[in-house]
Amino acid sequence: MPPRLRTLIGAVLLIILVIAYPFLVLMFAAALLPGSSGFTQLVFYVVGGLIWVPPAAFIIWWMGRRRKRPTA
């Protein structure tokens, strides 16, 4: 895959992740957290706020990967 196309696909995926992920976390919070303690909410939002990092890091790693050249 050409590097420019890989970068375009990765950028679109990152934008989708950054826009959609907070809404998903808020939907889960609205469904799971009503009536829970403040500590439980804190743990939920800390974990929820960090879970997006590995997928984003993988996308960035994938975007920067170089294509293997065949050896003659």
C-alpha atoms as a PDB file:
ATOM      1  CA  MET A   1       0.000   0.000   0.000  1.00  0.00           C
ATOM      2  CA  PRO A   2       1.428   3.417  -0.888  1.00  0.00           C
ATOM      3  CA  PRO A   3       2.467   5.507   2.123  1.00  0.00           C
ATOM      4  CA  ARG A   4       0.205   8.399   1.164  1.00  0.00           C
ATOM      5  CA  LEU A   5      -2.854   6.161   1.035  1.00  0.00           C
ATOM      6  CA  ARG A   6      -1.886   4.552   4.345  1.00  0.00           C
ATOM      7  CA  THR A   7      -1.552   8.015   5.903  1.00  0.00           C
ATOM      8  CA  LEU A   8      -4.935   9.109   4.560  1.00  0.00           C
ATOM      9  CA  ILE A   9      -6.673   5.977   5.854  1.00  0.00           C
ATOM     10  CA  GLY A  10      -4.953   6.322   9.236  1.00  0.00           C
ATOM     11  CA  ALA A  11      -5.897   9.989   9.547  1.00  0.00           C
ATOM     12  CA  VAL A  12      -9.546   9.234   8.774  1.00  0.00           C
ATOM     13  CA  LEU A  13      -9.550   6.393  11.311  1.00  0.00           C
ATOM     14  CA  LEU A  14      -8.010   8.623  13.972  1.00  0.00           C
ATOM     15  CA  ILE A  15     -10.597  11.340  13.356  1.00  0.00           C
ATOM     16  CA  ILE A  16     -13.408   8.795  13.622  1.00  0.00           C
ATOM     17  CA  LEU A  17     -11.882   7.382  16.823  1.00  0.00           C
ATOM     18  CA  VAL A  18     -11.463  10.793  18.442  1.00  0.00           C
ATOM     19  CA  ILE A  19     -15.027  11.838  17.587  1.00  0.00           C
ATOM     20  CA  ALA A  20     -16.892   8.584  18.255  1.00  0.00           C
ATOM     21  CA  TYR A  21     -15.058   7.272  21.323  1.00  0.00           C
ATOM     22  CA  PRO A  22     -16.119  10.009  23.794  1.00  0.00           C
ATOM     23  CA  PHE A  23     -19.749   9.505  22.833  1.00  0.00           C
ATOM     24  CA  LEU A  24     -19.453   5.774  23.453  1.00  0.00           C
ATOM     25  CA  VAL A  25     -17.880   6.367  26.860  1.00  0.00           C
ATOM     26  CA  LEU A  26     -20.631   8.833  27.767  1.00  0.00           C
ATOM     27  CA  MET A  27     -23.334   6.365  26.690  1.00  0.00           C
ATOM     28  CA  PHE A  28     -21.787   3.652  28.864  1.00  0.00           C
ATOM     29  CA  ALA A  29     -21.447   6.113  31.746  1.00  0.00           C
ATOM     30  CA  ALA A  30     -25.087   7.141  31.482  1.00  0.00           C
ATOM     31  CA  ALA A  31     -26.142   3.498  31.492  1.00  0.00           C
ATOM     32  CA  LEU A  32     -23.799   2.180  34.186  1.00  0.00           C
ATOM     33  CA  LEU A  33     -22.974   4.999  36.599  1.00  0.00           C
ATOM     34  CA  PRO A  34     -26.227   6.547  37.874  1.00  0.00           C
ATOM     35  CA  GLY A  35     -26.270   6.240  41.633  1.00  0.00           C
ATOM     36  CA  SER A  36     -22.673   5.027  41.919  1.00  0.00           C
ATOM     37  CA  SER A  37     -20.107   6.545  44.244  1.00  0.00           C
ATOM     38  CA  GLY A  38     -17.771   9.338  43.253  1.00  0.00           C
ATOM     39  CA  PHE A  39     -14.777   7.016  43.454  1.00  0.00           C
ATOM     40  CA  THR A  40     -16.412   4.565  41.042  1.00  0.00           C
ATOM     41  CA  GLN A  41     -17.104   7.400  38.622  1.00  0.00           C
ATOM     42  CA  LEU A  42     -13.523   8.618  38.931  1.00  0.00           C
ATOM     43  CA  VAL A  43     -12.126   5.164  38.165  1.00  0.00           C
ATOM     44  CA  PHE A  44     -14.517   4.754  35.239  1.00  0.00           C
ATOM     45  CA  TYR A  45     -13.545   8.071  33.654  1.00  0.00           C
ATOM     46  CA  VAL A  46      -9.809   7.565  34.226  1.00  0.00           C
ATOM     47  CA  VAL A  47      -9.913   4.111  32.622  1.00  0.00           C
ATOM     48  CA  GLY A  48     -12.296   5.288  29.916  1.00  0.00           C
ATOM     49  CA  GLY A  49     -10.096   8.272  29.232  1.00  0.00           C
ATOM     50  CA  LEU A  50      -7.033   6.100  28.674  1.00  0.00           C
ATOM     51  CA  ILE A  51      -8.447   3.138  26.751  1.00  0.00           C
ATOM     52  CA  TRP A  52      -8.403   5.019  23.443  1.00  0.00           C
ATOM     53  CA  VAL A  53      -4.607   5.434  23.583  1.00  0.00           C
ATOM     54  CA  PRO A  54      -3.544   1.897  22.480  1.00  0.00           C
ATOM     55  CA  PRO A  55      -5.823   1.854  19.395  1.00  0.00           C
ATOM     56  CA  ALA A  56      -4.645   5.348  18.431  1.00  0.00           C
ATOM     57  CA  ALA A  57      -1.019   4.335  18.958  1.00  0.00           C
ATOM     58  CA  PHE A  58      -1.534   1.258  16.786  1.00  0.00           C
ATOM     59  CA  ILE A  59      -3.054   3.367  14.004  1.00  0.00           C
ATOM     60  CA  ILE A  60      -0.140   5.808  14.188  1.00  0.00           C
ATOM     61  CA  TRP A  61       2.352   2.921  14.164  1.00  0.00           C
ATOM     62  CA  TRP A  62       0.572   1.408  11.171  1.00  0.00           C
ATOM     63  CA  MET A  63       0.643   4.729   9.334  1.00  0.00           C
ATOM     64  CA  GLY A  64       4.400   5.085   9.849  1.00  0.00           C
ATOM     65  CA  ARG A  65       5.301   1.535   8.890  1.00  0.00           C
ATOM     66  CA  ARG A  66       7.535   1.234   5.896  1.00  0.00           C
ATOM     67  CA  ARG A  67       6.753  -1.132   3.102  1.00  0.00           C
ATOM     68  CA  LYS A  68       9.109  -4.097   2.977  1.00  0.00           C
ATOM     69  CA  ARG A  69      11.138  -4.143  -0.220  1.00  0.00           C
ATOM     70  CA  PRO A  70      11.753  -7.490  -1.839  1.00  0.00           C
ATOM     71  CA  THR A  71      15.355  -8.603  -1.781  1.00  0.00           C
ATOM     72  CA  ALA A  72      16.809  -9.718  -5.079  1.00  0.00           C
END
